[in-house]
Amino acid sequence: MTVAIDLSTSDFQLTLRDFRAKANGADVAMVYYAGHGIEGQGKNWLIPVNAELNSSLDLPYEALNLDRVMESLSGAQMRMVVLDACRNNPFARSWKSGTRAVSRGLAGVEADDVLIIYAAAPGQTAMDGDGDNSPFASSFANRLPQAGLPVQLLGGMVRDDVLTATGGAQRPFVSASITGTPVYLVDAVSGDNGSAPLQTPALAKLDEAALDALAWQGAMKANTTASYRAYLDGFPGGKFANLASENIASHSNPADADGNAKEPAGLIDAMLPDRYEIVETEALPIDGIWKISSIKKRMRIEKGRAFALDGWTHALILKILPEMVVLRDIKRIAPGKYEADDLPLGAKAKMTLQADGNIKVRNNIFPIPVKYTLIRETLDSSEAMRDELTLLPSEK
């Protein structure tokens, strides 16, 4: 492991050169950068401690191009870049107006076979937090050594942690074009004989569904006959197997393994049903429109089902479109107590009505439960909700 602190421009370059030699031939290589990062001249730059940057024209001479970091990892099989960058430009005020053409935040990077995790989305700045480490750094430090967590899910888990810790104010961003085959930095807990990793049914189900979706995303991005065939080889009984077959058949020249399908069939249509595909059941006191606390997006609960009103990105499924059902078979099991099937997570959601009229949701996913709050916006029946709240057990 290489640790370098407060690097000057020349020291930064030398450190990356030495790290490149160590990373060559490695199974996994990762660069974690904490500091300032800005976009200028159409490129991303990391700022050494001795940079003066009197104008954006000085960037190539005093800052480090992110491409050089990418190049230092090129010899490893699995490549990871973590940018815990503030994403603001500390020099902007001193630059003349004609040289301030630097965007706030880092630009997105398209790089094959590299997992890139940004501490904040484009246009956002990362928060320092109240403790010794920032919310992003704290989450990453906790998640990285987590046993049984595939690298493919690492960014999504950190993203959810930071959204929760910052009340949705900071949203980490993940850019990934990596294999769908699960890669574990730390194996799941082994049994007494030290043989096969311990896999509970809940974790196995989560991994299978998540990796199926990740592999399908990779196939869709490549959009070639070869990529769809590779998906079918890895997931012959996958949720997207029929779509993969349809896309192969739609190629103008199926014999050409590199030919592009003109209009590939849907990304997650096979995983989440449309609202009209789920039969309504009985009305519930919680029927209405609710906002998800962690992502500030709305869903509608309606007679035993909940569907998205806004589109959003999901840690596992990647994109949820309006009208897609995310909760089904919602049942009232006691005053203020409800349960439902969470379709994206493939788990049972426990929903508890609070005295303030909001709903606490917990998905008991091993090893890390997913928790969030549904914030009430409008209700189908205010009277039904008022009656339900009167039945809640009193707090002592």
Protein backbone atom coordinates (compact mmCIF):
# COMPACT_ATOMS: atom_id res chain seq x y z
CA MET A 1 0.00 0.00 0.00
CA THR A 2 1.25 3.49 -0.88
CA VAL A 3 0.29 6.45 1.32
CA ALA A 4 1.34 9.94 0.27
CA ILE A 5 0.28 13.20 1.94
CA ASP A 6 0.40 16.85 0.83
CA LEU A 7 2.16 16.21 -2.47
CA SER A 8 3.72 18.85 -4.66
CA THR A 9 3.30 18.58 -8.43
CA SER A 10 6.60 16.78 -8.96
CA ASP A 11 6.12 14.48 -5.96
CA PHE A 12 2.61 13.63 -7.18
CA GLN A 13 4.01 12.60 -10.56
CA LEU A 14 6.78 10.50 -9.02
CA THR A 15 4.38 8.79 -6.63
CA LEU A 16 2.08 7.80 -9.49
CA ARG A 17 5.04 6.50 -11.52
CA ASP A 18 6.14 4.28 -8.63
CA PHE A 19 2.57 3.14 -7.99
CA ARG A 20 2.18 2.20 -11.64
CA ALA A 21 5.05 -0.28 -11.29
CA LYS A 22 3.41 -1.83 -8.21
CA ALA A 23 -0.01 -2.02 -9.87
CA ASN A 24 1.28 -3.74 -12.99
CA GLY A 25 -0.01 -7.33 -12.90
CA ALA A 26 -2.06 -6.83 -9.72
CA ASP A 27 -5.52 -8.36 -9.31
CA VAL A 28 -6.91 -5.08 -7.92
CA ALA A 29 -5.41 -1.58 -7.87
CA MET A 30 -7.08 1.50 -6.38
CA VAL A 31 -6.21 5.18 -6.09
CA TYR A 32 -8.02 7.17 -3.38
CA TYR A 33 -7.53 10.92 -3.82
CA ALA A 34 -8.64 13.43 -1.17
CA GLY A 35 -8.24 17.09 -2.01
CA HIS A 36 -9.36 19.64 -4.59
CA GLY A 37 -10.44 18.59 -8.05
CA ILE A 38 -11.72 20.86 -10.82
CA GLU A 39 -12.66 20.74 -14.48
CA GLY A 40 -10.89 23.04 -16.91
CA GLN A 41 -10.10 23.06 -20.62
CA GLY A 42 -12.44 20.09 -21.01
CA LYS A 43 -10.40 17.92 -18.65
CA ASN A 44 -10.36 16.95 -14.97
CA TRP A 45 -7.48 18.14 -12.80
CA LEU A 46 -6.25 17.21 -9.33
CA ILE A 47 -4.60 20.10 -7.50
CA PRO A 48 -1.22 19.56 -5.71
CA VAL A 49 -0.53 21.56 -2.56
CA ASN A 50 2.03 23.88 -4.22
CA ALA A 51 -0.18 24.90 -7.14
CA GLU A 52 -0.69 28.65 -7.53
CA LEU A 53 -2.83 28.61 -10.68
CA ASN A 54 -2.98 32.27 -11.51
CA SER A 55 -5.23 31.37 -14.45
CA SER A 56 -6.78 28.30 -16.04
CA LEU A 57 -3.92 28.37 -18.57
CA ASP A 58 -1.60 27.18 -15.79
CA LEU A 59 -3.51 23.93 -15.25
CA PRO A 60 -1.36 21.71 -17.53
CA TYR A 61 1.80 22.95 -15.80
CA GLU A 62 0.80 22.95 -12.14
CA ALA A 63 -2.07 20.47 -11.82
CA LEU A 64 -2.32 16.75 -12.52
CA ASN A 65 -4.53 15.46 -15.33
CA LEU A 66 -6.89 12.74 -14.10
CA ASP A 67 -5.92 10.70 -17.16
CA ARG A 68 -2.50 10.20 -15.60
CA VAL A 69 -4.12 8.60 -12.56
CA MET A 70 -6.07 6.28 -14.86
CA GLU A 71 -2.88 5.36 -16.68
CA SER A 72 -1.16 4.40 -13.42
CA LEU A 73 -3.76 1.64 -12.93
CA SER A 74 -3.65 0.27 -16.45
CA GLY A 75 -1.64 -2.84 -15.58
CA ALA A 76 -4.14 -4.18 -13.02
CA GLN A 77 -7.08 -6.45 -13.75
CA MET A 78 -9.60 -4.58 -11.56
CA ARG A 79 -9.09 -0.80 -11.52
CA MET A 80 -10.71 1.58 -9.04
CA VAL A 81 -10.47 5.37 -8.65
CA VAL A 82 -12.08 7.12 -5.67
CA LEU A 83 -12.26 10.91 -5.93
CA ASP A 84 -12.97 12.41 -2.53
CA ALA A 85 -12.58 15.82 -4.12
CA CYS A 86 -14.21 19.02 -2.89
CA ARG A 87 -15.19 19.82 -6.50
CA ASN A 88 -14.89 23.57 -5.99
CA ASN A 89 -12.25 25.87 -7.46
CA PRO A 90 -10.26 27.55 -4.65
CA PHE A 91 -8.50 29.84 -7.15
CA ALA A 92 -11.52 31.20 -9.02
CA ARG A 93 -11.73 34.53 -7.16
CA SER A 94 -8.18 35.48 -8.09
CA TRP A 95 -8.57 34.57 -11.76
CA LYS A 96 -9.36 37.26 -14.27
CA SER A 97 -12.85 37.13 -15.70
CA GLY A 98 -11.54 35.95 -19.06
CA THR A 99 -9.88 32.89 -17.52
CA ARG A 100 -12.68 31.65 -15.26
CA ALA A 101 -13.95 29.08 -17.74
CA VAL A 102 -13.77 26.30 -15.16
CA SER A 103 -16.92 24.40 -14.31
CA ARG A 104 -17.95 23.72 -10.76
CA GLY A 105 -17.26 20.06 -10.15
CA LEU A 106 -15.50 17.32 -12.07
CA ALA A 107 -16.73 16.16 -15.44
CA GLY A 108 -17.96 12.62 -15.93
CA VAL A 109 -15.36 10.17 -17.18
CA GLU A 110 -15.98 7.44 -19.74
CA ALA A 111 -13.36 4.75 -19.11
CA ASP A 112 -13.59 1.06 -19.90
CA ASP A 113 -12.91 -1.47 -17.14
CA VAL A 114 -12.63 1.18 -14.42
CA LEU A 115 -14.86 1.79 -11.39
CA ILE A 116 -14.90 5.51 -10.53
CA ILE A 117 -16.60 6.73 -7.35
CA TYR A 118 -17.03 10.49 -6.88
CA ALA A 119 -17.74 11.91 -3.42
CA ALA A 120 -20.32 14.29 -4.93
CA ALA A 121 -22.34 14.53 -8.11
CA PRO A 122 -21.47 17.05 -10.83
CA GLY A 123 -22.23 20.56 -9.60
CA GLN A 124 -22.10 19.56 -5.94
CA THR A 125 -19.44 20.11 -3.30
CA ALA A 126 -18.57 17.44 -0.75
CA MET A 127 -19.32 18.08 2.91
CA ASP A 128 -16.64 17.93 5.61
CA GLY A 129 -19.01 16.66 8.30
CA ASP A 130 -18.75 17.12 12.07
CA GLY A 131 -16.34 14.30 12.90
CA ASP A 132 -12.75 13.51 12.02
CA ASN A 133 -13.80 12.22 8.60
CA SER A 134 -16.32 13.42 6.05
CA PRO A 135 -19.58 11.47 5.54
CA PHE A 136 -18.14 10.08 2.30
CA ALA A 137 -14.80 9.06 3.81
CA SER A 138 -16.50 7.47 6.83
CA SER A 139 -18.85 5.41 4.69
CA PHE A 140 -16.11 4.31 2.31
CA ALA A 141 -13.85 3.26 5.19
CA ASN A 142 -16.69 1.16 6.63
CA ARG A 143 -17.84 -0.37 3.35
CA LEU A 144 -14.51 -1.21 1.72
CA PRO A 145 -13.61 -4.06 4.15
CA GLN A 146 -17.19 -5.33 4.38
CA ALA A 147 -17.18 -9.11 4.01
CA GLY A 148 -19.18 -10.48 1.09
CA LEU A 149 -19.77 -7.11 -0.61
CA PRO A 150 -19.00 -7.26 -4.35
CA VAL A 151 -17.00 -4.36 -5.74
CA GLN A 152 -19.86 -3.82 -8.18
CA LEU A 153 -22.13 -2.80 -5.29
CA LEU A 154 -19.60 -0.75 -3.31
CA GLY A 155 -20.39 2.61 -4.90
CA GLY A 156 -24.14 2.20 -4.49
CA MET A 157 -23.81 1.33 -0.81
CA VAL A 158 -21.58 4.36 -0.16
CA ARG A 159 -24.01 6.54 -2.09
CA ASP A 160 -26.95 5.44 0.07
CA ASP A 161 -24.95 5.96 3.28
CA VAL A 162 -23.97 9.51 2.34
CA LEU A 163 -27.47 10.44 1.18
CA THR A 164 -28.80 9.33 4.56
CA ALA A 165 -26.03 11.03 6.56
CA THR A 166 -26.47 14.36 4.75
CA GLY A 167 -30.25 14.33 4.46
CA GLY A 168 -29.97 14.07 0.69
CA ALA A 169 -27.76 17.18 0.38
CA GLN A 170 -24.73 15.25 -0.95
CA ARG A 171 -25.11 12.58 -3.60
CA PRO A 172 -22.04 10.52 -4.51
CA PHE A 173 -21.79 9.58 -8.17
CA VAL A 174 -20.65 6.26 -9.62
CA SER A 175 -19.27 5.63 -13.09
CA ALA A 176 -18.62 1.99 -13.84
CA SER A 177 -17.79 -0.03 -16.92
CA ILE A 178 -16.55 -3.22 -15.30
CA THR A 179 -17.24 -6.93 -15.42
CA GLY A 180 -20.55 -8.26 -14.14
CA THR A 181 -18.76 -11.22 -12.54
CA PRO A 182 -18.73 -10.55 -8.77
CA VAL A 183 -15.38 -9.41 -7.40
CA TYR A 184 -14.94 -9.61 -3.61
CA LEU A 185 -12.19 -7.71 -1.83
CA VAL A 186 -13.13 -9.56 1.38
CA ASP A 187 -14.84 -12.95 1.19
CA ALA A 188 -18.03 -13.59 3.11
CA VAL A 189 -17.59 -15.09 6.58
CA SER A 190 -16.39 -18.69 6.31
CA GLY A 191 -17.80 -21.64 8.20
CA ASP A 192 -15.95 -23.49 10.96
CA ASN A 193 -14.07 -25.62 8.45
CA GLY A 194 -12.86 -22.51 6.60
CA SER A 195 -14.27 -23.78 3.33
CA ALA A 196 -17.09 -22.17 1.40
CA PRO A 197 -18.14 -18.64 2.38
CA LEU A 198 -21.31 -18.45 4.42
CA GLN A 199 -24.20 -17.26 2.25
CA THR A 200 -27.64 -16.68 3.73
CA PRO A 201 -30.64 -16.93 1.36
CA ALA A 202 -31.22 -13.17 1.66
CA LEU A 203 -27.64 -12.30 0.66
CA ALA A 204 -27.59 -14.86 -2.13
CA LYS A 205 -30.82 -13.44 -3.51
CA LEU A 206 -29.53 -9.87 -3.29
CA ASP A 207 -26.25 -10.72 -5.01
CA GLU A 208 -27.90 -12.67 -7.80
CA ALA A 209 -30.46 -9.98 -8.58
CA ALA A 210 -27.95 -7.14 -8.35
CA LEU A 211 -25.30 -8.83 -10.47
CA ASP A 212 -27.91 -9.88 -13.01
CA ALA A 213 -28.90 -6.20 -13.36
CA LEU A 214 -25.27 -5.05 -13.52
CA ALA A 215 -24.41 -7.62 -16.19
CA TRP A 216 -27.46 -6.56 -18.20
CA GLN A 217 -26.45 -2.90 -17.95
CA GLY A 218 -23.03 -3.80 -19.35
CA ALA A 219 -24.60 -5.73 -22.21
CA MET A 220 -26.93 -2.83 -23.00
CA LYS A 221 -24.08 -0.32 -22.94
CA ALA A 222 -22.01 -2.35 -25.39
CA ASN A 223 -25.16 -3.13 -27.41
CA THR A 224 -23.55 -5.84 -29.53
CA THR A 225 -24.51 -9.38 -30.39
CA ALA A 226 -21.43 -10.53 -28.52
CA SER A 227 -22.39 -8.65 -25.35
CA TYR A 228 -25.91 -10.10 -25.30
CA ARG A 229 -24.56 -13.60 -25.88
CA ALA A 230 -22.07 -13.07 -23.04
CA TYR A 231 -24.96 -12.06 -20.78
CA LEU A 232 -26.89 -15.23 -21.71
CA ASP A 233 -23.80 -17.35 -21.02
CA GLY A 234 -23.49 -15.86 -17.54
CA PHE A 235 -27.20 -15.66 -16.72
CA PRO A 236 -29.05 -18.21 -18.88
CA GLY A 237 -32.08 -17.97 -16.60
CA GLY A 238 -31.68 -14.25 -15.86
CA LYS A 239 -34.50 -11.74 -15.70
CA PHE A 240 -33.34 -10.21 -18.99
CA ALA A 241 -32.70 -13.43 -20.93
CA ASN A 242 -35.72 -12.93 -23.20
CA LEU A 243 -34.73 -9.32 -23.89
CA ALA A 244 -31.18 -10.42 -24.70
CA SER A 245 -32.53 -12.93 -27.22
CA GLU A 246 -34.79 -10.26 -28.74
CA ASN A 247 -31.86 -7.87 -29.13
CA ILE A 248 -29.73 -10.54 -30.80
CA ALA A 249 -32.55 -11.24 -33.23
CA SER A 250 -32.98 -7.53 -33.99
CA HIS A 251 -29.45 -7.11 -35.34
CA SER A 252 -29.40 -6.42 -39.04
CA ASN A 253 -26.64 -9.00 -39.44
CA PRO A 254 -26.87 -11.59 -36.65
CA ALA A 255 -23.80 -13.38 -37.96
CA ASP A 256 -21.72 -10.28 -37.22
CA ALA A 257 -20.82 -10.56 -33.53
CA ASP A 258 -19.90 -6.88 -33.41
CA GLY A 259 -22.99 -5.52 -35.10
CA ASN A 260 -25.09 -3.00 -33.20
CA ALA A 261 -28.78 -3.45 -32.52
CA LYS A 262 -30.65 -0.37 -33.70
CA GLU A 263 -33.23 -0.25 -30.92
CA PRO A 264 -32.27 -2.45 -27.96
CA ALA A 265 -35.17 -3.72 -25.89
CA GLY A 266 -35.69 -2.17 -22.44
CA LEU A 267 -33.27 -1.90 -19.54
CA ILE A 268 -35.30 -3.10 -16.56
CA ASP A 269 -38.77 -3.60 -17.97
CA ALA A 270 -38.57 -7.28 -17.12
CA MET A 271 -37.72 -6.60 -13.49
CA LEU A 272 -40.27 -3.99 -12.38
CA PRO A 273 -43.87 -4.23 -13.60
CA ASP A 274 -45.97 -1.29 -14.73
CA ARG A 275 -48.60 -0.10 -12.25
CA TYR A 276 -51.41 -1.48 -14.40
CA GLU A 277 -49.90 -4.98 -14.34
CA ILE A 278 -50.49 -5.24 -10.58
CA VAL A 279 -54.08 -5.85 -9.50
CA GLU A 280 -55.44 -3.40 -6.94
CA THR A 281 -56.49 -4.72 -3.55
CA GLU A 282 -58.18 -2.86 -0.70
CA ALA A 283 -57.69 0.80 0.10
CA LEU A 284 -55.32 1.57 2.99
CA PRO A 285 -55.03 4.60 5.32
CA ILE A 286 -51.56 5.24 3.85
CA ASP A 287 -52.78 5.50 0.25
CA GLY A 288 -51.46 8.72 -1.26
CA ILE A 289 -48.25 10.40 -2.41
CA TRP A 290 -45.05 10.08 -0.39
CA LYS A 291 -41.51 11.37 -0.81
CA ILE A 292 -38.53 9.07 -0.20
CA SER A 293 -36.29 10.82 2.33
CA SER A 294 -32.94 9.61 0.96
CA ILE A 295 -33.46 10.60 -2.67
CA LYS A 296 -36.28 13.17 -2.51
CA LYS A 297 -38.30 11.33 -5.17
CA ARG A 298 -42.01 10.60 -5.00
CA MET A 299 -43.97 7.37 -5.03
CA ARG A 300 -47.69 6.76 -4.89
CA ILE A 301 -49.17 4.11 -2.61
CA GLU A 302 -52.42 2.90 -4.09
CA LYS A 303 -54.48 -0.08 -2.93
CA GLY A 304 -51.73 -2.57 -2.19
CA ARG A 305 -49.00 -1.31 -4.51
CA ALA A 306 -46.57 1.62 -4.73
CA PHE A 307 -45.23 2.96 -8.00
CA ALA A 308 -42.76 5.67 -8.93
CA LEU A 309 -44.07 9.11 -9.84
CA ASP A 310 -40.55 10.39 -10.55
CA GLY A 311 -37.68 8.52 -12.15
CA TRP A 312 -34.60 7.86 -10.06
CA THR A 313 -31.37 5.90 -10.01
CA HIS A 314 -31.29 2.85 -7.75
CA ALA A 315 -28.14 1.34 -6.24
CA LEU A 316 -29.00 -2.09 -7.63
CA ILE A 317 -31.30 -1.64 -10.59
CA LEU A 318 -29.72 1.56 -11.88
CA LYS A 319 -32.82 3.29 -13.24
CA ILE A 320 -36.45 3.29 -12.14
CA LEU A 321 -38.95 4.91 -14.48
CA PRO A 322 -42.28 6.57 -13.63
CA GLU A 323 -45.19 4.12 -13.31
CA MET A 324 -42.89 1.23 -12.35
CA VAL A 325 -44.03 -0.65 -9.24
CA VAL A 326 -41.46 -0.68 -6.43
CA LEU A 327 -43.64 -2.10 -3.61
CA ARG A 328 -46.36 -4.67 -4.03
CA ASP A 329 -48.64 -6.75 -1.80
CA ILE A 330 -48.81 -3.96 0.79
CA LYS A 331 -50.78 -5.24 3.78
CA ARG A 332 -51.89 -3.75 7.08
CA ILE A 333 -50.89 -6.22 9.80
CA ALA A 334 -51.67 -4.05 12.86
CA PRO A 335 -52.52 -0.40 13.62
CA GLY A 336 -49.72 1.61 12.04
CA LYS A 337 -47.89 -1.56 10.95
CA TYR A 338 -47.62 -2.54 7.28
CA GLU A 339 -45.48 -4.88 5.22
CA ALA A 340 -44.79 -5.15 1.51
CA ASP A 341 -42.55 -6.83 -1.04
CA ASP A 342 -39.74 -4.49 -2.14
CA LEU A 343 -39.18 -5.44 -5.78
CA PRO A 344 -35.85 -3.64 -6.46
CA LEU A 345 -34.22 -5.11 -3.34
CA GLY A 346 -35.97 -8.46 -3.48
CA ALA A 347 -36.77 -8.26 0.23
CA LYS A 348 -39.62 -7.78 2.67
CA ALA A 349 -40.25 -4.16 3.65
CA LYS A 350 -41.51 -3.41 7.17
CA MET A 351 -43.42 -0.11 7.25
CA THR A 352 -44.20 1.64 10.56
CA LEU A 353 -46.43 4.71 10.77
CA GLN A 354 -45.03 7.39 13.10
CA ALA A 355 -46.92 9.85 15.28
CA ASP A 356 -45.81 12.67 12.94
CA GLY A 357 -47.65 11.00 10.06
CA ASN A 358 -44.55 9.77 8.22
CA ILE A 359 -43.57 6.14 7.64
CA LYS A 360 -40.33 4.47 8.68
CA VAL A 361 -39.32 1.71 6.25
CA ARG A 362 -36.84 -1.07 6.93
CA ASN A 363 -35.75 -3.76 4.47
CA ASN A 364 -34.11 -6.60 6.37
CA ILE A 365 -31.36 -7.33 3.87
CA PHE A 366 -28.37 -9.25 5.16
CA PRO A 367 -25.83 -8.02 6.15
CA ILE A 368 -26.82 -4.33 6.05
CA PRO A 369 -30.53 -3.43 6.36
CA VAL A 370 -31.77 -0.59 4.17
CA LYS A 371 -33.71 2.09 6.06
CA TYR A 372 -35.44 5.26 4.92
CA THR A 373 -38.49 7.42 5.69
CA LEU A 374 -41.54 8.08 3.53
CA ILE A 375 -42.56 11.70 4.01
CA ARG A 376 -46.25 12.39 3.55
CA GLU A 377 -47.28 14.81 0.81
CA THR A 378 -50.96 14.13 0.06
CA LEU A 379 -53.41 11.46 1.17
CA ASP A 380 -56.39 9.90 -0.51
CA SER A 381 -58.28 9.99 2.79
CA SER A 382 -57.19 12.34 5.56
CA GLU A 383 -59.96 10.90 7.74
CA ALA A 384 -58.64 7.34 7.41
CA MET A 385 -55.16 8.50 8.35
CA ARG A 386 -56.48 10.48 11.31
CA ASP A 387 -58.32 7.38 12.57
CA GLU A 388 -55.19 5.27 12.09
CA LEU A 389 -53.04 7.69 14.06
CA THR A 390 -55.45 7.53 17.01
CA LEU A 391 -54.90 3.76 17.16
CA LEU A 392 -51.11 3.99 17.45
CA PRO A 393 -49.71 2.79 20.77
CA SER A 394 -48.78 5.69 23.00
CA GLU A 395 -45.09 6.38 23.56
CA LYS A 396 -43.86 6.01 27.13
